[in-house]
């Protein structure tokens, strides 16, 4: 799995993870965030590798459906990008460093 897809899945987990079943969330966190292999997860949970794969796939599909309907992660990424652009523009225009830092820190409120 490429790094961009892994980051995307982690972001979707942040937004919609609570909408997964407990088992799907447990498996998805281990797989996407902790970078644990399917075989290692299967061994740890006492289930088959295929069961882990199914849980990962179902979690991915569920996360994607919620993102398609709600678009919260996409909007978050766009807002963070816009905050970065505003901060860079303020810096170019000679704004005080204190103001630039306040702009950069706005993302924590999203």
N, C-alpha and C. Protein backbone atom coordinates (compact mmCIF):
# COMPACT_ATOMS: atom_id res chain seq x y z
N UNK A 1 0.85 -1.18 0.00
CA UNK A 1 0.00 0.00 0.00
C UNK A 1 0.90 1.24 0.00
N UNK A 2 0.59 2.17 -0.88
CA UNK A 2 1.44 3.36 -0.93
C UNK A 2 1.15 4.28 0.25
N UNK A 3 2.09 5.17 0.51
CA UNK A 3 2.03 6.02 1.70
C UNK A 3 0.83 6.97 1.65
N UNK A 4 0.50 7.48 0.46
CA UNK A 4 -0.63 8.39 0.36
C UNK A 4 -1.95 7.71 0.74
N UNK A 5 -2.12 6.48 0.30
CA UNK A 5 -3.34 5.73 0.62
C UNK A 5 -3.39 5.43 2.12
N UNK A 6 -2.23 5.12 2.69
CA UNK A 6 -2.18 4.85 4.14
C UNK A 6 -2.55 6.11 4.92
N UNK A 7 -2.01 7.24 4.52
CA UNK A 7 -2.32 8.51 5.20
C UNK A 7 -3.81 8.83 5.05
N UNK A 8 -4.34 8.61 3.85
CA UNK A 8 -5.77 8.85 3.62
C UNK A 8 -6.62 7.97 4.52
N UNK A 9 -6.27 6.69 4.62
CA UNK A 9 -7.03 5.79 5.48
C UNK A 9 -6.94 6.18 6.94
N UNK A 10 -5.78 6.64 7.38
CA UNK A 10 -5.63 7.11 8.77
C UNK A 10 -6.51 8.34 9.02
N UNK A 11 -6.54 9.25 8.05
CA UNK A 11 -7.38 10.44 8.18
C UNK A 11 -8.85 10.05 8.25
N UNK A 12 -9.26 9.13 7.38
CA UNK A 12 -10.65 8.67 7.40
C UNK A 12 -10.98 7.98 8.72
N UNK A 13 -10.03 7.24 9.26
CA UNK A 13 -10.23 6.62 10.58
C UNK A 13 -10.45 7.68 11.66
N UNK A 14 -9.70 8.76 11.58
CA UNK A 14 -9.87 9.83 12.56
C UNK A 14 -11.28 10.40 12.52
N UNK A 15 -11.81 10.58 11.31
CA UNK A 15 -13.12 11.19 11.16
C UNK A 15 -14.27 10.21 11.38
N UNK A 16 -14.13 9.01 10.87
CA UNK A 16 -15.27 8.09 10.85
C UNK A 16 -15.03 6.77 11.59
N UNK A 17 -13.92 6.62 12.25
CA UNK A 17 -13.60 5.37 12.92
C UNK A 17 -14.64 4.92 13.92
N UNK A 18 -15.27 5.86 14.58
CA UNK A 18 -16.27 5.51 15.59
C UNK A 18 -17.53 4.90 14.96
N UNK A 19 -17.64 4.98 13.64
CA UNK A 19 -18.80 4.41 12.95
C UNK A 19 -18.56 2.95 12.54
N UNK A 20 -17.35 2.46 12.75
CA UNK A 20 -17.03 1.07 12.46
C UNK A 20 -17.40 0.20 13.65
N UNK A 21 -17.50 -1.10 13.40
CA UNK A 21 -17.69 -2.01 14.53
C UNK A 21 -16.40 -2.01 15.35
N UNK A 22 -16.52 -2.48 16.57
CA UNK A 22 -15.34 -2.52 17.45
C UNK A 22 -14.21 -3.33 16.82
N UNK A 23 -14.55 -4.48 16.25
CA UNK A 23 -13.53 -5.35 15.63
C UNK A 23 -12.92 -4.69 14.39
N UNK A 24 -13.76 -4.08 13.54
CA UNK A 24 -13.24 -3.41 12.35
C UNK A 24 -12.29 -2.28 12.75
N UNK A 25 -12.67 -1.52 13.75
CA UNK A 25 -11.83 -0.43 14.21
C UNK A 25 -10.51 -0.95 14.76
N UNK A 26 -10.58 -1.99 15.55
CA UNK A 26 -9.37 -2.58 16.13
C UNK A 26 -8.41 -3.04 15.03
N UNK A 27 -8.94 -3.75 14.04
CA UNK A 27 -8.12 -4.27 12.95
C UNK A 27 -7.60 -3.11 12.09
N UNK A 28 -8.45 -2.15 11.76
CA UNK A 28 -8.05 -1.04 10.90
C UNK A 28 -6.96 -0.19 11.55
N UNK A 29 -7.07 0.05 12.84
CA UNK A 29 -6.04 0.84 13.54
C UNK A 29 -4.71 0.10 13.50
N UNK A 30 -4.74 -1.20 13.78
CA UNK A 30 -3.51 -1.97 13.75
C UNK A 30 -2.90 -1.98 12.34
N UNK A 31 -3.73 -2.13 11.34
CA UNK A 31 -3.25 -2.25 9.97
C UNK A 31 -2.78 -0.90 9.41
N UNK A 32 -3.60 0.13 9.53
CA UNK A 32 -3.28 1.42 8.91
C UNK A 32 -2.37 2.30 9.77
N UNK A 33 -2.69 2.41 11.04
CA UNK A 33 -1.93 3.33 11.89
C UNK A 33 -0.68 2.70 12.48
N UNK A 34 -0.78 1.44 12.90
CA UNK A 34 0.36 0.79 13.55
C UNK A 34 1.23 0.02 12.56
N UNK A 35 0.75 -0.10 11.31
CA UNK A 35 1.49 -0.77 10.22
C UNK A 35 1.84 -2.22 10.57
N UNK A 36 0.86 -2.91 11.15
CA UNK A 36 1.02 -4.32 11.51
C UNK A 36 0.53 -5.16 10.33
N UNK A 37 1.21 -6.23 10.01
CA UNK A 37 0.83 -7.06 8.87
C UNK A 37 -0.45 -7.84 9.15
N UNK A 38 -1.10 -8.29 8.09
CA UNK A 38 -2.32 -9.09 8.23
C UNK A 38 -2.05 -10.34 9.06
N UNK A 39 -0.94 -11.00 8.77
CA UNK A 39 -0.59 -12.24 9.49
C UNK A 39 -0.38 -11.97 10.98
N UNK A 40 0.30 -10.86 11.31
CA UNK A 40 0.54 -10.54 12.71
C UNK A 40 -0.76 -10.21 13.44
N UNK A 41 -1.65 -9.49 12.77
CA UNK A 41 -2.95 -9.16 13.37
C UNK A 41 -3.74 -10.44 13.60
N UNK A 42 -3.74 -11.31 12.60
CA UNK A 42 -4.47 -12.58 12.70
C UNK A 42 -3.97 -13.40 13.89
N UNK A 43 -2.66 -13.49 14.02
CA UNK A 43 -2.07 -14.25 15.13
C UNK A 43 -2.45 -13.64 16.48
N UNK A 44 -2.34 -12.30 16.55
CA UNK A 44 -2.63 -11.60 17.80
C UNK A 44 -4.10 -11.75 18.21
N UNK A 45 -5.00 -11.72 17.24
CA UNK A 45 -6.43 -11.77 17.55
C UNK A 45 -7.00 -13.19 17.52
N UNK A 46 -6.17 -14.14 17.08
CA UNK A 46 -6.63 -15.53 17.03
C UNK A 46 -7.67 -15.79 15.96
N UNK A 47 -7.54 -15.08 14.83
CA UNK A 47 -8.44 -15.27 13.70
C UNK A 47 -7.61 -15.52 12.45
N UNK A 48 -8.27 -15.88 11.37
CA UNK A 48 -7.54 -16.17 10.13
C UNK A 48 -7.08 -14.88 9.46
N UNK A 49 -6.06 -15.03 8.64
CA UNK A 49 -5.55 -13.90 7.86
C UNK A 49 -6.67 -13.38 6.95
N UNK A 50 -7.47 -14.29 6.40
CA UNK A 50 -8.57 -13.88 5.53
C UNK A 50 -9.62 -13.07 6.28
N UNK A 51 -9.87 -13.43 7.53
CA UNK A 51 -10.83 -12.67 8.35
C UNK A 51 -10.31 -11.26 8.60
N UNK A 52 -9.01 -11.14 8.79
CA UNK A 52 -8.40 -9.82 8.97
C UNK A 52 -8.53 -9.02 7.68
N UNK A 53 -8.22 -9.66 6.56
CA UNK A 53 -8.31 -9.00 5.26
C UNK A 53 -9.74 -8.52 5.00
N UNK A 54 -10.72 -9.38 5.32
CA UNK A 54 -12.13 -9.00 5.14
C UNK A 54 -12.49 -7.81 6.02
N UNK A 55 -12.01 -7.80 7.25
CA UNK A 55 -12.30 -6.69 8.17
C UNK A 55 -11.67 -5.39 7.66
N UNK A 56 -10.45 -5.48 7.14
CA UNK A 56 -9.78 -4.30 6.59
C UNK A 56 -10.55 -3.78 5.38
N UNK A 57 -10.94 -4.67 4.49
CA UNK A 57 -11.67 -4.27 3.29
C UNK A 57 -13.02 -3.65 3.63
N UNK A 58 -13.74 -4.28 4.56
CA UNK A 58 -15.04 -3.76 4.96
C UNK A 58 -14.88 -2.39 5.62
N UNK A 59 -13.87 -2.25 6.45
CA UNK A 59 -13.61 -0.95 7.10
C UNK A 59 -13.30 0.11 6.05
N UNK A 60 -12.45 -0.22 5.09
CA UNK A 60 -12.11 0.74 4.03
C UNK A 60 -13.36 1.17 3.26
N UNK A 61 -14.19 0.21 2.92
CA UNK A 61 -15.42 0.52 2.17
C UNK A 61 -16.34 1.40 2.99
N UNK A 62 -16.49 1.08 4.26
CA UNK A 62 -17.36 1.86 5.14
C UNK A 62 -16.84 3.29 5.28
N UNK A 63 -15.55 3.43 5.50
CA UNK A 63 -14.95 4.76 5.63
C UNK A 63 -15.14 5.56 4.34
N UNK A 64 -14.93 4.91 3.20
CA UNK A 64 -15.07 5.59 1.91
C UNK A 64 -16.51 6.04 1.67
N UNK A 65 -17.47 5.22 2.04
CA UNK A 65 -18.89 5.58 1.87
C UNK A 65 -19.22 6.81 2.71
N UNK A 66 -18.78 6.82 3.95
CA UNK A 66 -19.05 7.98 4.81
C UNK A 66 -18.37 9.23 4.28
N UNK A 67 -17.15 9.09 3.80
CA UNK A 67 -16.45 10.26 3.24
C UNK A 67 -17.15 10.76 1.99
N UNK A 68 -17.61 9.84 1.16
CA UNK A 68 -18.31 10.23 -0.06
C UNK A 68 -19.58 11.01 0.27
N UNK A 69 -20.28 10.59 1.30
CA UNK A 69 -21.53 11.24 1.69
C UNK A 69 -21.30 12.55 2.43
N UNK A 70 -20.32 12.57 3.32
CA UNK A 70 -20.13 13.73 4.19
C UNK A 70 -18.99 14.65 3.79
N UNK A 71 -17.91 14.08 3.26
CA UNK A 71 -16.78 14.88 2.79
C UNK A 71 -16.02 15.64 3.86
N UNK A 72 -16.08 15.17 5.10
CA UNK A 72 -15.43 15.89 6.19
C UNK A 72 -13.90 15.89 6.07
N UNK A 73 -13.33 14.76 5.71
CA UNK A 73 -11.87 14.68 5.60
C UNK A 73 -11.36 15.57 4.48
N UNK A 74 -12.03 15.53 3.35
CA UNK A 74 -11.63 16.37 2.21
C UNK A 74 -11.70 17.85 2.59
N UNK A 75 -12.78 18.22 3.24
CA UNK A 75 -12.94 19.62 3.66
C UNK A 75 -11.84 20.01 4.65
N UNK A 76 -11.52 19.11 5.57
CA UNK A 76 -10.47 19.37 6.55
C UNK A 76 -9.12 19.63 5.85
N UNK A 77 -8.78 18.76 4.90
CA UNK A 77 -7.52 18.91 4.18
C UNK A 77 -7.49 20.24 3.41
N UNK A 78 -8.60 20.58 2.79
CA UNK A 78 -8.67 21.85 2.05
C UNK A 78 -8.51 23.05 2.99
N UNK A 79 -9.15 23.00 4.15
CA UNK A 79 -9.03 24.10 5.10
C UNK A 79 -7.61 24.25 5.64
N UNK A 80 -6.96 23.13 5.94
CA UNK A 80 -5.57 23.18 6.40
C UNK A 80 -4.69 23.80 5.32
N UNK A 81 -4.91 23.39 4.07
CA UNK A 81 -4.14 23.95 2.96
C UNK A 81 -4.37 25.46 2.84
N UNK A 82 -5.61 25.89 2.96
CA UNK A 82 -5.91 27.32 2.87
C UNK A 82 -5.28 28.11 4.01
N UNK A 83 -5.26 27.54 5.20
CA UNK A 83 -4.61 28.19 6.33
C UNK A 83 -3.12 28.36 6.05
N UNK A 84 -2.49 27.32 5.50
CA UNK A 84 -1.07 27.40 5.15
C UNK A 84 -0.82 28.47 4.10
N UNK A 85 -1.71 28.58 3.12
CA UNK A 85 -1.56 29.60 2.07
C UNK A 85 -1.70 31.00 2.65
N UNK A 86 -2.66 31.19 3.53
CA UNK A 86 -2.86 32.50 4.16
C UNK A 86 -1.64 32.87 5.00
N UNK A 87 -1.10 31.92 5.73
CA UNK A 87 0.08 32.17 6.56
C UNK A 87 1.28 32.57 5.69
N UNK A 88 1.47 31.85 4.57
CA UNK A 88 2.58 32.18 3.67
C UNK A 88 2.39 33.57 3.06
N UNK A 89 1.17 33.89 2.69
CA UNK A 89 0.89 35.20 2.10
C UNK A 89 1.11 36.31 3.13
N UNK A 90 0.68 36.08 4.36
CA UNK A 90 0.88 37.06 5.42
C UNK A 90 2.36 37.30 5.66
N UNK A 91 3.14 36.21 5.62
CA UNK A 91 4.59 36.33 5.80
C UNK A 91 5.21 37.13 4.66
N UNK A 92 4.77 36.86 3.44
CA UNK A 92 5.29 37.59 2.27
C UNK A 92 4.97 39.08 2.37
N UNK A 93 3.81 39.40 2.93
CA UNK A 93 3.39 40.79 3.03
C UNK A 93 3.98 41.50 4.24
N UNK A 94 4.80 40.76 5.00
CA UNK A 94 5.51 41.38 6.12
C UNK A 94 4.76 41.40 7.43
N UNK A 95 3.81 40.53 7.59
CA UNK A 95 3.07 40.48 8.85
C UNK A 95 4.03 40.08 9.98
N UNK A 96 3.72 40.52 11.17
CA UNK A 96 4.53 40.16 12.33
C UNK A 96 4.53 38.65 12.49
N UNK A 97 5.65 38.13 12.96
CA UNK A 97 5.79 36.68 13.14
C UNK A 97 4.72 36.14 14.09
N UNK A 98 4.36 36.92 15.07
CA UNK A 98 3.33 36.51 16.03
C UNK A 98 2.00 36.26 15.31
N UNK A 99 1.66 37.11 14.37
CA UNK A 99 0.42 36.96 13.60
C UNK A 99 0.50 35.73 12.71
N UNK A 100 1.64 35.56 12.05
CA UNK A 100 1.84 34.40 11.16
C UNK A 100 1.68 33.11 11.97
N UNK A 101 2.25 33.06 13.16
CA UNK A 101 2.14 31.87 14.00
C UNK A 101 0.69 31.61 14.42
N UNK A 102 -0.04 32.67 14.72
CA UNK A 102 -1.46 32.51 15.08
C UNK A 102 -2.25 31.95 13.91
N UNK A 103 -1.94 32.41 12.73
CA UNK A 103 -2.62 31.89 11.53
C UNK A 103 -2.29 30.41 11.35
N UNK A 104 -1.01 30.08 11.47
CA UNK A 104 -0.58 28.68 11.30
C UNK A 104 -1.24 27.77 12.32
N UNK A 105 -1.53 28.27 13.50
CA UNK A 105 -2.11 27.45 14.57
C UNK A 105 -3.63 27.31 14.47
N UNK A 106 -4.25 27.97 13.50
CA UNK A 106 -5.70 27.87 13.35
C UNK A 106 -6.17 26.45 13.07
N UNK A 107 -5.34 25.63 12.45
CA UNK A 107 -5.77 24.27 12.10
C UNK A 107 -6.15 23.45 13.33
N UNK A 108 -5.63 23.81 14.49
CA UNK A 108 -5.95 23.03 15.69
C UNK A 108 -7.42 23.18 16.08
N UNK A 109 -8.11 24.17 15.51
CA UNK A 109 -9.50 24.37 15.83
C UNK A 109 -10.45 23.71 14.85
N UNK A 110 -9.89 23.03 13.86
CA UNK A 110 -10.74 22.36 12.86
C UNK A 110 -11.24 21.04 13.37
